[in-house]
Amino acid sequence: MIKICIIEDILDIQQGLRSILESDNRFLLLESFDNAEDAIRELPKLIPDVVITDINLPRKSGIDCVTEIKSKHPEIQFIMFTIYEDNDQVFDALKAGASGYILKNTSAEKIKEAIIELDEGGSPMSPKIARKVLLSFTTRDINPIFDLITKREREVLELLSKGFLYKEIADKLEITLSTVKRHLNHIYEKLQVQNKTEAVNKLYGKE
């Protein structure tokens, strides 16, 4: 039987998760929390196998909770249960020590499957999340320089590499011409290059 705790501040969602878990004899629900602070205090006493946690909690976040608990109890497995799909949230959760990441619109059966997969040593993720993680890690493995510049700076440089003019880039990204130039100056400084050709070559490994 898999021992589980829930951290979710929206009571309807928390109750929905409780119902899913309590209706299946493979799971034992130990406790539910509506904030990270209580969970951080109580989880070391309960030692669940799996913690299902939201990211966006009232004060400390679910990611903060993962960070604090995993440093002292690495055996506790966390699965993030959230509406967020953006890369920053994904990577912050994974870097903190989460082993799974599913979205709140996931069906009850898929949630159960994810918990079992996690308990058996897997890393369950919603298909959209898995694809984003794979694409991002692939990009970073190919060229770590991607980590040096921001998402917006990368967008500017990618458009430059496709032949767009400064004015066209400004229009496409809905920013001013001076902002485009400022982004480029930052890119040149970070990548230690003199012009856009050198920047594009360095970023895409064409040196």
N, C-alpha and C. Protein backbone atom coordinates (compact mmCIF):
# COMPACT_ATOMS: atom_id res chain seq x y z
N MET A 1 0.84 -1.20 0.00
CA MET A 1 0.00 0.00 0.00
C MET A 1 0.88 1.25 0.00
N ILE A 2 0.56 2.17 -0.89
CA ILE A 2 1.37 3.39 -1.03
C ILE A 2 0.83 4.47 -0.09
N LYS A 3 1.69 4.94 0.81
CA LYS A 3 1.29 5.98 1.76
C LYS A 3 1.44 7.36 1.12
N ILE A 4 0.39 8.17 1.17
CA ILE A 4 0.34 9.42 0.41
C ILE A 4 -0.09 10.59 1.29
N CYS A 5 0.50 11.75 1.03
CA CYS A 5 0.03 13.01 1.59
C CYS A 5 -0.28 13.97 0.44
N ILE A 6 -1.21 14.89 0.70
CA ILE A 6 -1.63 15.88 -0.30
C ILE A 6 -1.34 17.28 0.25
N ILE A 7 -0.83 18.16 -0.62
CA ILE A 7 -0.71 19.58 -0.29
C ILE A 7 -1.44 20.37 -1.37
N GLU A 8 -2.59 20.92 -1.04
CA GLU A 8 -3.43 21.64 -2.01
C GLU A 8 -4.31 22.62 -1.25
N ASP A 9 -4.24 23.90 -1.61
CA ASP A 9 -4.98 24.92 -0.86
C ASP A 9 -6.40 25.13 -1.35
N ILE A 10 -6.73 24.67 -2.55
CA ILE A 10 -8.11 24.79 -3.04
C ILE A 10 -8.87 23.56 -2.55
N LEU A 11 -9.80 23.76 -1.63
CA LEU A 11 -10.41 22.65 -0.93
C LEU A 11 -11.19 21.70 -1.83
N ASP A 12 -11.85 22.23 -2.88
CA ASP A 12 -12.58 21.36 -3.81
C ASP A 12 -11.63 20.40 -4.51
N ILE A 13 -10.47 20.92 -4.92
CA ILE A 13 -9.48 20.07 -5.60
C ILE A 13 -8.88 19.08 -4.61
N GLN A 14 -8.60 19.56 -3.41
CA GLN A 14 -8.07 18.67 -2.37
C GLN A 14 -9.04 17.52 -2.10
N GLN A 15 -10.33 17.86 -1.99
CA GLN A 15 -11.34 16.84 -1.73
C GLN A 15 -11.45 15.86 -2.89
N GLY A 16 -11.32 16.38 -4.11
CA GLY A 16 -11.36 15.51 -5.29
C GLY A 16 -10.22 14.49 -5.27
N LEU A 17 -9.03 14.95 -4.91
CA LEU A 17 -7.89 14.04 -4.80
C LEU A 17 -8.11 13.02 -3.69
N ARG A 18 -8.64 13.49 -2.57
CA ARG A 18 -8.90 12.58 -1.44
C ARG A 18 -9.86 11.47 -1.88
N SER A 19 -10.89 11.84 -2.61
CA SER A 19 -11.89 10.85 -3.06
C SER A 19 -11.26 9.81 -3.98
N ILE A 20 -10.40 10.28 -4.88
CA ILE A 20 -9.72 9.37 -5.81
C ILE A 20 -8.86 8.36 -5.05
N LEU A 21 -8.12 8.86 -4.08
CA LEU A 21 -7.20 7.99 -3.33
C LEU A 21 -7.93 7.06 -2.37
N GLU A 22 -8.95 7.58 -1.70
CA GLU A 22 -9.66 6.79 -0.69
C GLU A 22 -10.53 5.70 -1.31
N SER A 23 -10.80 5.82 -2.61
CA SER A 23 -11.63 4.81 -3.28
C SER A 23 -10.80 3.64 -3.81
N ASP A 24 -9.49 3.68 -3.61
CA ASP A 24 -8.59 2.66 -4.15
C ASP A 24 -7.75 2.07 -3.01
N ASN A 25 -7.87 0.76 -2.79
CA ASN A 25 -7.18 0.15 -1.65
C ASN A 25 -5.67 -0.01 -1.85
N ARG A 26 -5.17 0.44 -2.98
CA ARG A 26 -3.71 0.45 -3.18
C ARG A 26 -3.06 1.64 -2.50
N PHE A 27 -3.89 2.60 -2.08
CA PHE A 27 -3.37 3.83 -1.49
C PHE A 27 -3.85 4.01 -0.05
N LEU A 28 -2.99 4.60 0.76
CA LEU A 28 -3.36 4.98 2.12
C LEU A 28 -3.10 6.47 2.29
N LEU A 29 -4.16 7.26 2.40
CA LEU A 29 -4.00 8.70 2.57
C LEU A 29 -3.69 9.01 4.03
N LEU A 30 -2.51 9.53 4.27
CA LEU A 30 -2.08 9.83 5.64
C LEU A 30 -2.60 11.16 6.13
N GLU A 31 -2.49 12.20 5.27
CA GLU A 31 -2.87 13.55 5.71
C GLU A 31 -2.99 14.47 4.50
N SER A 32 -3.81 15.51 4.64
CA SER A 32 -3.93 16.56 3.63
C SER A 32 -3.58 17.90 4.27
N PHE A 33 -2.87 18.74 3.52
CA PHE A 33 -2.49 20.07 4.02
C PHE A 33 -2.95 21.13 3.02
N ASP A 34 -3.23 22.33 3.53
CA ASP A 34 -3.60 23.42 2.62
C ASP A 34 -2.51 24.49 2.54
N ASN A 35 -1.33 24.20 3.10
CA ASN A 35 -0.21 25.13 2.99
C ASN A 35 1.10 24.37 3.15
N ALA A 36 2.18 24.96 2.64
CA ALA A 36 3.48 24.30 2.66
C ALA A 36 4.08 24.27 4.07
N GLU A 37 3.81 25.31 4.85
CA GLU A 37 4.42 25.40 6.18
C GLU A 37 4.03 24.21 7.07
N ASP A 38 2.74 23.89 7.11
CA ASP A 38 2.29 22.75 7.91
C ASP A 38 2.88 21.44 7.37
N ALA A 39 2.92 21.34 6.05
CA ALA A 39 3.46 20.12 5.44
C ALA A 39 4.94 19.94 5.79
N ILE A 40 5.70 21.02 5.72
CA ILE A 40 7.14 20.95 6.03
C ILE A 40 7.34 20.49 7.48
N ARG A 41 6.46 20.91 8.37
CA ARG A 41 6.57 20.53 9.77
C ARG A 41 6.15 19.07 10.00
N GLU A 42 5.12 18.60 9.31
CA GLU A 42 4.54 17.30 9.61
C GLU A 42 5.07 16.14 8.75
N LEU A 43 5.49 16.42 7.53
CA LEU A 43 5.93 15.32 6.65
C LEU A 43 7.07 14.48 7.24
N PRO A 44 8.06 15.10 7.91
CA PRO A 44 9.13 14.28 8.49
C PRO A 44 8.63 13.31 9.57
N LYS A 45 7.49 13.60 10.17
CA LYS A 45 6.91 12.70 11.17
C LYS A 45 6.11 11.58 10.50
N LEU A 46 5.46 11.91 9.39
CA LEU A 46 4.59 10.96 8.71
C LEU A 46 5.35 10.02 7.77
N ILE A 47 6.41 10.53 7.14
CA ILE A 47 7.23 9.81 6.15
C ILE A 47 6.34 9.08 5.13
N PRO A 48 5.61 9.82 4.31
CA PRO A 48 4.83 9.18 3.24
C PRO A 48 5.75 8.65 2.14
N ASP A 49 5.21 7.76 1.32
CA ASP A 49 5.96 7.30 0.15
C ASP A 49 5.91 8.37 -0.95
N VAL A 50 4.73 8.98 -1.09
CA VAL A 50 4.50 9.95 -2.16
C VAL A 50 3.76 11.16 -1.61
N VAL A 51 4.18 12.35 -2.06
CA VAL A 51 3.46 13.59 -1.73
C VAL A 51 2.98 14.21 -3.04
N ILE A 52 1.69 14.46 -3.12
CA ILE A 52 1.12 15.17 -4.27
C ILE A 52 0.97 16.62 -3.85
N THR A 53 1.67 17.53 -4.54
CA THR A 53 1.62 18.93 -4.10
C THR A 53 1.37 19.91 -5.24
N ASP A 54 0.56 20.91 -4.94
CA ASP A 54 0.37 22.04 -5.85
C ASP A 54 1.64 22.89 -5.80
N ILE A 55 1.85 23.72 -6.79
CA ILE A 55 2.98 24.65 -6.78
C ILE A 55 2.58 25.96 -6.12
N ASN A 56 1.45 26.50 -6.53
CA ASN A 56 1.04 27.84 -6.09
C ASN A 56 0.26 27.76 -4.79
N LEU A 57 0.98 27.86 -3.68
CA LEU A 57 0.37 27.79 -2.34
C LEU A 57 0.39 29.17 -1.69
N PRO A 58 -0.34 29.38 -0.60
CA PRO A 58 -0.52 30.74 -0.04
C PRO A 58 0.77 31.50 0.30
N ARG A 59 1.72 30.86 0.93
CA ARG A 59 2.95 31.56 1.30
C ARG A 59 4.15 30.86 0.63
N LYS A 60 4.76 29.92 1.33
CA LYS A 60 5.80 29.14 0.65
C LYS A 60 5.14 28.30 -0.45
N SER A 61 5.88 28.08 -1.51
CA SER A 61 5.34 27.33 -2.65
C SER A 61 5.56 25.83 -2.47
N GLY A 62 4.92 25.07 -3.34
CA GLY A 62 5.15 23.63 -3.34
C GLY A 62 6.60 23.30 -3.66
N ILE A 63 7.23 24.13 -4.49
CA ILE A 63 8.64 23.92 -4.82
C ILE A 63 9.51 24.15 -3.60
N ASP A 64 9.18 25.17 -2.80
CA ASP A 64 9.90 25.40 -1.54
C ASP A 64 9.79 24.19 -0.63
N CYS A 65 8.61 23.60 -0.58
CA CYS A 65 8.38 22.42 0.26
C CYS A 65 9.24 21.25 -0.20
N VAL A 66 9.26 21.02 -1.50
CA VAL A 66 10.09 19.94 -2.04
C VAL A 66 11.55 20.15 -1.66
N THR A 67 12.04 21.38 -1.85
CA THR A 67 13.43 21.69 -1.56
C THR A 67 13.78 21.38 -0.11
N GLU A 68 12.94 21.82 0.82
CA GLU A 68 13.23 21.62 2.24
C GLU A 68 13.14 20.16 2.67
N ILE A 69 12.13 19.46 2.19
CA ILE A 69 11.93 18.08 2.62
C ILE A 69 12.96 17.14 1.98
N LYS A 70 13.22 17.31 0.68
CA LYS A 70 14.13 16.39 -0.02
C LYS A 70 15.55 16.47 0.53
N SER A 71 15.95 17.63 1.06
CA SER A 71 17.31 17.76 1.60
C SER A 71 17.51 16.89 2.84
N LYS A 72 16.43 16.60 3.56
CA LYS A 72 16.53 15.81 4.79
C LYS A 72 15.92 14.41 4.63
N HIS A 73 14.98 14.28 3.72
CA HIS A 73 14.31 12.99 3.52
C HIS A 73 14.22 12.68 2.02
N PRO A 74 15.34 12.32 1.42
CA PRO A 74 15.36 12.06 -0.03
C PRO A 74 14.48 10.89 -0.45
N GLU A 75 14.10 10.05 0.52
CA GLU A 75 13.27 8.88 0.19
C GLU A 75 11.82 9.26 -0.12
N ILE A 76 11.38 10.45 0.32
CA ILE A 76 10.01 10.90 0.04
C ILE A 76 9.93 11.39 -1.40
N GLN A 77 9.01 10.81 -2.17
CA GLN A 77 8.85 11.17 -3.58
C GLN A 77 7.76 12.22 -3.75
N PHE A 78 8.04 13.23 -4.58
CA PHE A 78 7.08 14.30 -4.82
C PHE A 78 6.59 14.28 -6.26
N ILE A 79 5.29 14.48 -6.42
CA ILE A 79 4.72 14.67 -7.74
C ILE A 79 3.98 16.01 -7.74
N MET A 80 4.35 16.89 -8.64
CA MET A 80 3.74 18.21 -8.71
C MET A 80 2.40 18.10 -9.44
N PHE A 81 1.38 18.72 -8.87
CA PHE A 81 0.01 18.64 -9.39
C PHE A 81 -0.48 20.07 -9.58
N THR A 82 -0.47 20.55 -10.81
CA THR A 82 -0.60 21.99 -11.01
C THR A 82 -1.21 22.35 -12.35
N ILE A 83 -1.60 23.61 -12.49
CA ILE A 83 -2.11 24.11 -13.77
C ILE A 83 -0.97 24.59 -14.66
N TYR A 84 0.21 24.77 -14.10
CA TYR A 84 1.30 25.40 -14.84
C TYR A 84 1.95 24.45 -15.84
N GLU A 85 2.24 24.98 -17.02
CA GLU A 85 2.93 24.20 -18.04
C GLU A 85 4.22 24.87 -18.53
N ASP A 86 4.52 26.08 -18.02
CA ASP A 86 5.67 26.79 -18.58
C ASP A 86 6.98 26.18 -18.09
N ASN A 87 8.03 26.36 -18.88
CA ASN A 87 9.31 25.70 -18.62
C ASN A 87 9.93 26.07 -17.28
N ASP A 88 9.84 27.33 -16.88
CA ASP A 88 10.46 27.74 -15.63
C ASP A 88 9.90 26.96 -14.46
N GLN A 89 8.59 26.79 -14.42
CA GLN A 89 7.96 26.03 -13.34
C GLN A 89 8.40 24.57 -13.38
N VAL A 90 8.46 24.01 -14.58
CA VAL A 90 8.87 22.62 -14.74
C VAL A 90 10.28 22.42 -14.19
N PHE A 91 11.21 23.26 -14.64
CA PHE A 91 12.59 23.06 -14.25
C PHE A 91 12.84 23.39 -12.78
N ASP A 92 12.14 24.39 -12.26
CA ASP A 92 12.28 24.70 -10.84
C ASP A 92 11.83 23.50 -9.99
N ALA A 93 10.74 22.88 -10.40
CA ALA A 93 10.23 21.72 -9.65
C ALA A 93 11.19 20.54 -9.75
N LEU A 94 11.69 20.27 -10.95
CA LEU A 94 12.59 19.14 -11.13
C LEU A 94 13.92 19.37 -10.42
N LYS A 95 14.42 20.60 -10.49
CA LYS A 95 15.69 20.91 -9.80
C LYS A 95 15.54 20.80 -8.29
N ALA A 96 14.35 21.10 -7.80
CA ALA A 96 14.10 21.02 -6.35
C ALA A 96 14.07 19.57 -5.88
N GLY A 97 13.81 18.64 -6.79
CA GLY A 97 13.80 17.24 -6.41
C GLY A 97 12.51 16.49 -6.72
N ALA A 98 11.55 17.15 -7.38
CA ALA A 98 10.32 16.46 -7.75
C ALA A 98 10.63 15.38 -8.79
N SER A 99 9.93 14.26 -8.71
CA SER A 99 10.15 13.16 -9.64
C SER A 99 9.01 12.99 -10.64
N GLY A 100 7.93 13.73 -10.43
CA GLY A 100 6.80 13.65 -11.34
C GLY A 100 6.12 15.00 -11.47
N TYR A 101 5.36 15.17 -12.55
CA TYR A 101 4.75 16.47 -12.82
C TYR A 101 3.53 16.24 -13.69
N ILE A 102 2.33 16.39 -13.11
CA ILE A 102 1.12 16.20 -13.89
C ILE A 102 0.21 17.41 -13.75
N LEU A 103 -0.64 17.59 -14.74
CA LEU A 103 -1.53 18.75 -14.77
C LEU A 103 -2.86 18.44 -14.09
N LYS A 104 -3.52 19.48 -13.62
CA LYS A 104 -4.75 19.30 -12.85
C LYS A 104 -5.92 18.80 -13.68
N ASN A 105 -5.81 18.85 -15.00
CA ASN A 105 -6.89 18.30 -15.82
C ASN A 105 -6.68 16.82 -16.15
N THR A 106 -5.69 16.20 -15.50
CA THR A 106 -5.42 14.77 -15.70
C THR A 106 -6.57 13.95 -15.11
N SER A 107 -6.95 12.88 -15.81
CA SER A 107 -8.07 12.05 -15.34
C SER A 107 -7.69 11.29 -14.07
N ALA A 108 -8.72 10.83 -13.35
CA ALA A 108 -8.50 10.10 -12.10
C ALA A 108 -7.64 8.86 -12.32
N GLU A 109 -7.92 8.11 -13.39
CA GLU A 109 -7.15 6.89 -13.65
C GLU A 109 -5.70 7.21 -13.95
N LYS A 110 -5.47 8.29 -14.69
CA LYS A 110 -4.09 8.69 -15.01
C LYS A 110 -3.35 9.15 -13.76
N ILE A 111 -4.06 9.80 -12.85
CA ILE A 111 -3.44 10.22 -11.58
C ILE A 111 -3.00 8.98 -10.79
N LYS A 112 -3.87 7.97 -10.73
CA LYS A 112 -3.52 6.74 -10.04
C LYS A 112 -2.31 6.06 -10.68
N GLU A 113 -2.33 6.00 -12.01
CA GLU A 113 -1.22 5.37 -12.73
C GLU A 113 0.09 6.12 -12.46
N ALA A 114 0.00 7.46 -12.39
CA ALA A 114 1.19 8.27 -12.15
C ALA A 114 1.77 8.00 -10.76
N ILE A 115 0.90 7.86 -9.77
CA ILE A 115 1.37 7.59 -8.40
C ILE A 115 2.07 6.23 -8.33
N ILE A 116 1.47 5.24 -8.96
CA ILE A 116 2.06 3.89 -8.96
C ILE A 116 3.39 3.89 -9.70
N GLU A 117 3.43 4.57 -10.84
CA GLU A 117 4.67 4.66 -11.62
C GLU A 117 5.76 5.34 -10.80
N LEU A 118 5.41 6.41 -10.11
CA LEU A 118 6.37 7.13 -9.28
C LEU A 118 6.89 6.23 -8.16
N ASP A 119 5.99 5.51 -7.51
CA ASP A 119 6.38 4.63 -6.41
C ASP A 119 7.29 3.49 -6.88
N GLU A 120 7.15 3.13 -8.14
CA GLU A 120 7.96 2.04 -8.70
C GLU A 120 9.27 2.54 -9.30
N GLY A 121 9.56 3.84 -9.12
CA GLY A 121 10.83 4.38 -9.58
C GLY A 121 10.78 5.15 -10.87
N GLY A 122 9.59 5.37 -11.42
CA GLY A 122 9.46 6.12 -12.66
C GLY A 122 9.34 7.61 -12.43
N SER A 123 9.18 8.36 -13.52
CA SER A 123 9.01 9.82 -13.44
C SER A 123 7.82 10.22 -14.31
N PRO A 124 6.61 10.04 -13.79
CA PRO A 124 5.42 10.33 -14.59
C PRO A 124 5.26 11.81 -14.89
N MET A 125 4.93 12.10 -16.14
CA MET A 125 4.69 13.49 -16.55
C MET A 125 3.59 13.51 -17.58
N SER A 126 2.81 14.58 -17.58
CA SER A 126 1.84 14.79 -18.64
C SER A 126 2.58 14.84 -19.97
N PRO A 127 1.96 14.36 -21.06
CA PRO A 127 2.66 14.35 -22.35
C PRO A 127 3.23 15.70 -22.77
N LYS A 128 2.47 16.79 -22.54
CA LYS A 128 2.96 18.12 -22.90
C LYS A 128 4.21 18.47 -22.12
N ILE A 129 4.21 18.13 -20.81
CA ILE A 129 5.36 18.44 -19.96
C ILE A 129 6.57 17.63 -20.40
N ALA A 130 6.36 16.34 -20.64
CA ALA A 130 7.47 15.47 -21.04
C ALA A 130 8.11 15.97 -22.33
N ARG A 131 7.28 16.42 -23.27
CA ARG A 131 7.81 16.90 -24.55
C ARG A 131 8.62 18.17 -24.36
N LYS A 132 8.13 19.08 -23.50
CA LYS A 132 8.87 20.32 -23.24
C LYS A 132 10.20 20.04 -22.55
N VAL A 133 10.17 19.13 -21.58
CA VAL A 133 11.40 18.80 -20.86
C VAL A 133 12.42 18.20 -21.83
N LEU A 134 11.96 17.26 -22.65
CA LEU A 134 12.85 16.60 -23.60
C LEU A 134 13.46 17.60 -24.57
N LEU A 135 12.63 18.48 -25.12
CA LEU A 135 13.13 19.47 -26.07
C LEU A 135 14.12 20.42 -25.42
N SER A 136 13.84 20.84 -24.22
CA SER A 136 14.72 21.79 -23.55
C SER A 136 16.05 21.15 -23.17
N PHE A 137 16.00 19.91 -22.63
CA PHE A 137 17.24 19.25 -22.27
C PHE A 137 18.08 18.96 -23.51
N THR A 138 17.40 18.60 -24.61
CA THR A 138 18.12 18.34 -25.86
C THR A 138 18.85 19.58 -26.32
N THR A 139 18.15 20.72 -26.26
CA THR A 139 18.76 21.99 -26.66
C THR A 139 19.95 22.34 -25.78
N ARG A 140 19.78 22.16 -24.47
CA ARG A 140 20.84 22.52 -23.54
C ARG A 140 22.03 21.58 -23.68
N ASP A 141 21.76 20.29 -23.97
CA ASP A 141 22.85 19.35 -24.15
C ASP A 141 23.67 19.70 -25.39
N ILE A 142 22.98 20.16 -26.44
CA ILE A 142 23.68 20.51 -27.66
C ILE A 142 24.56 21.73 -27.47
N ASN A 143 24.05 22.73 -26.79
CA ASN A 143 24.82 23.96 -26.63
C ASN A 143 24.46 24.64 -25.31
N PRO A 144 25.33 24.54 -24.30
CA PRO A 144 25.05 25.14 -23.00
C PRO A 144 24.98 26.66 -23.04
N ILE A 145 25.38 27.28 -24.15
CA ILE A 145 25.32 28.73 -24.28
C ILE A 145 23.87 29.22 -24.18
N PHE A 146 22.91 28.33 -24.50
CA PHE A 146 21.50 28.70 -24.38
C PHE A 146 21.17 29.17 -22.97
N ASP A 147 21.90 28.66 -21.98
CA ASP A 147 21.64 29.05 -20.59
C ASP A 147 22.09 30.47 -20.29
N LEU A 148 22.94 31.04 -21.15
CA LEU A 148 23.51 32.36 -20.87
C LEU A 148 22.55 33.50 -21.19
N ILE A 149 21.62 33.26 -22.10
CA ILE A 149 20.74 34.34 -22.52
C ILE A 149 19.29 34.04 -22.13
N THR A 150 18.51 35.11 -22.03
CA THR A 150 17.12 34.96 -21.61
C THR A 150 16.25 34.46 -22.77
N LYS A 151 15.04 34.07 -22.44
CA LYS A 151 14.11 33.59 -23.46
C LYS A 151 13.85 34.67 -24.52
N ARG A 152 13.66 35.91 -24.10
CA ARG A 152 13.39 36.98 -25.06
C ARG A 152 14.61 37.26 -25.93
N GLU A 153 15.80 37.22 -25.32
CA GLU A 153 17.03 37.43 -26.10
C GLU A 153 17.19 36.32 -27.14
N ARG A 154 16.83 35.10 -26.75
CA ARG A 154 16.91 33.98 -27.69
C ARG A 154 15.92 34.16 -28.84
N GLU A 155 14.72 34.68 -28.52
CA GLU A 155 13.73 34.94 -29.56
C GLU A 155 14.25 35.96 -30.57
N VAL A 156 14.88 37.02 -30.04
CA VAL A 156 15.44 38.05 -30.92
C VAL A 156 16.50 37.44 -31.83
N LEU A 157 17.38 36.65 -31.25
CA LEU A 157 18.48 36.07 -32.02
C LEU A 157 17.98 35.05 -33.04
N GLU A 158 16.97 34.28 -32.66
CA GLU A 158 16.41 33.30 -33.60
C GLU A 158 15.78 33.99 -34.81
N LEU A 159 15.10 35.11 -34.57
CA LEU A 159 14.51 35.86 -35.68
C LEU A 159 15.59 36.48 -36.56
N LEU A 160 16.66 36.96 -35.93
CA LEU A 160 17.79 37.48 -36.70
C LEU A 160 18.37 36.40 -37.60
N SER A 161 18.50 35.20 -37.05
CA SER A 161 19.10 34.10 -37.80
C SER A 161 18.24 33.71 -39.01
N LYS A 162 16.94 34.06 -38.94
CA LYS A 162 16.03 33.75 -40.05
C LYS A 162 15.95 34.90 -41.06
N GLY A 163 16.75 35.95 -40.83
CA GLY A 163 16.82 37.03 -41.79
C GLY A 163 15.91 38.22 -41.54
N PHE A 164 15.22 38.25 -40.40
CA PHE A 164 14.35 39.38 -40.08
C PHE A 164 15.19 40.62 -39.77
N LEU A 165 14.70 41.78 -40.18
CA LEU A 165 15.34 43.04 -39.88
C LEU A 165 14.95 43.49 -38.48
N TYR A 166 15.71 44.44 -37.92
CA TYR A 166 15.44 44.91 -36.56
C TYR A 166 14.00 45.38 -36.41
N LYS A 167 13.53 46.17 -37.38
CA LYS A 167 12.16 46.71 -37.32
C LYS A 167 11.13 45.58 -37.38
N GLU A 168 11.39 44.57 -38.20
CA GLU A 168 10.48 43.43 -38.32
C GLU A 168 10.43 42.63 -37.02
N ILE A 169 11.59 42.51 -36.38
CA ILE A 169 11.64 41.80 -35.10
C ILE A 169 10.84 42.56 -34.04
N ALA A 170 11.01 43.88 -34.03
CA ALA A 170 10.27 44.71 -33.08
C ALA A 170 8.77 44.54 -33.27
N ASP A 171 8.32 44.55 -34.51
CA ASP A 171 6.90 44.39 -34.81
C ASP A 171 6.40 43.00 -34.40
N LYS A 172 7.19 41.99 -34.71
CA LYS A 172 6.77 40.61 -34.45
C LYS A 172 6.67 40.32 -32.95
N LEU A 173 7.63 40.85 -32.18
CA LEU A 173 7.64 40.62 -30.74
C LEU A 173 6.89 41.68 -29.95
N GLU A 174 6.35 42.67 -30.71
CA GLU A 174 5.59 43.76 -30.11
C GLU A 174 6.41 44.52 -29.06
N ILE A 175 7.63 44.86 -29.45
CA ILE A 175 8.51 45.67 -28.61
C ILE A 175 9.05 46.81 -29.47
N THR A 176 9.74 47.77 -28.86
CA THR A 176 10.26 48.90 -29.62
C THR A 176 11.59 48.55 -30.28
N LEU A 177 11.95 49.36 -31.27
CA LEU A 177 13.22 49.15 -31.96
C LEU A 177 14.39 49.29 -31.00
N SER A 178 14.30 50.26 -30.09
CA SER A 178 15.39 50.45 -29.11
C SER A 178 15.52 49.26 -28.17
N THR A 179 14.38 48.59 -27.87
CA THR A 179 14.43 47.39 -27.03
C THR A 179 15.13 46.25 -27.74
N VAL A 180 14.86 46.12 -29.03
CA VAL A 180 15.55 45.09 -29.83
C VAL A 180 17.06 45.32 -29.77
N LYS A 181 17.47 46.56 -29.98
CA LYS A 181 18.89 46.88 -29.96
C LYS A 181 19.51 46.64 -28.58
N ARG A 182 18.74 46.95 -27.54
CA ARG A 182 19.23 46.72 -26.18
C ARG A 182 19.43 45.22 -25.92
N HIS A 183 18.46 44.41 -26.39
CA HIS A 183 18.60 42.95 -26.25
C HIS A 183 19.85 42.47 -26.98
N LEU A 184 20.08 43.00 -28.15
CA LEU A 184 21.25 42.58 -28.93
C LEU A 184 22.55 42.96 -28.23
N ASN A 185 22.60 44.14 -27.65
CA ASN A 185 23.79 44.55 -26.91
C ASN A 185 24.07 43.59 -25.75
N HIS A 186 23.00 43.18 -25.06
CA HIS A 186 23.15 42.24 -23.96
C HIS A 186 23.64 40.88 -24.46
N ILE A 187 23.09 40.47 -25.61
CA ILE A 187 23.51 39.20 -26.21
C ILE A 187 24.99 39.23 -26.56
N TYR A 188 25.42 40.30 -27.23
CA TYR A 188 26.83 40.41 -27.63
C TYR A 188 27.75 40.36 -26.42
N GLU A 189 27.32 41.05 -25.35
CA GLU A 189 28.13 41.09 -24.14
C GLU A 189 28.21 39.71 -23.48
N LYS A 190 27.06 39.03 -23.39
CA LYS A 190 27.03 37.73 -22.73
C LYS A 190 27.79 36.67 -23.53
N LEU A 191 27.65 36.71 -24.83
CA LEU A 191 28.29 35.70 -25.68
C LEU A 191 29.71 36.09 -26.08
N GLN A 192 30.11 37.31 -25.72
CA GLN A 192 31.45 37.83 -26.03
C GLN A 192 31.72 37.81 -27.53
N VAL A 193 30.79 38.41 -28.27
CA VAL A 193 30.92 38.52 -29.73
C VAL A 193 30.74 39.98 -30.14
N GLN A 194 31.04 40.27 -31.41
CA GLN A 194 31.02 41.65 -31.89
C GLN A 194 29.82 41.98 -32.77
N ASN A 195 29.18 40.97 -33.35
CA ASN A 195 28.08 41.25 -34.27
C ASN A 195 27.09 40.09 -34.30
N LYS A 196 25.99 40.31 -35.04
CA LYS A 196 24.92 39.31 -35.03
C LYS A 196 25.34 37.99 -35.68
N THR A 197 26.20 38.05 -36.70
CA THR A 197 26.66 36.83 -37.35
C THR A 197 27.43 35.95 -36.37
N GLU A 198 28.34 36.55 -35.62
CA GLU A 198 29.11 35.80 -34.62
C GLU A 198 28.18 35.24 -33.54
N ALA A 199 27.18 36.03 -33.16
CA ALA A 199 26.24 35.59 -32.11
C ALA A 199 25.44 34.39 -32.58
N VAL A 200 24.91 34.45 -33.78
CA VAL A 200 24.12 33.33 -34.33
C VAL A 200 24.99 32.09 -34.46
N ASN A 201 26.21 32.26 -34.98
CA ASN A 201 27.11 31.11 -35.14
C ASN A 201 27.46 30.46 -33.81
N LYS A 202 27.68 31.30 -32.82
CA LYS A 202 28.07 30.77 -31.49
C LYS A 202 26.89 30.04 -30.85
N LEU A 203 25.71 30.61 -30.98
CA LEU A 203 24.54 30.02 -30.35
C LEU A 203 24.17 28.70 -30.99
N TYR A 204 24.27 28.61 -32.32
CA TYR A 204 23.84 27.41 -33.01
C TYR A 204 24.99 26.49 -33.39
N GLY A 205 26.14 26.71 -32.78
CA GLY A 205 27.26 25.79 -32.94
C GLY A 205 27.84 25.75 -34.33
N LYS A 206 27.90 26.90 -34.98
CA LYS A 206 28.41 26.95 -36.35
C LYS A 206 29.81 27.54 -36.41
N GLU A 207 30.51 27.54 -35.27
CA GLU A 207 31.83 28.12 -35.24
C GLU A 207 32.80 27.27 -36.03
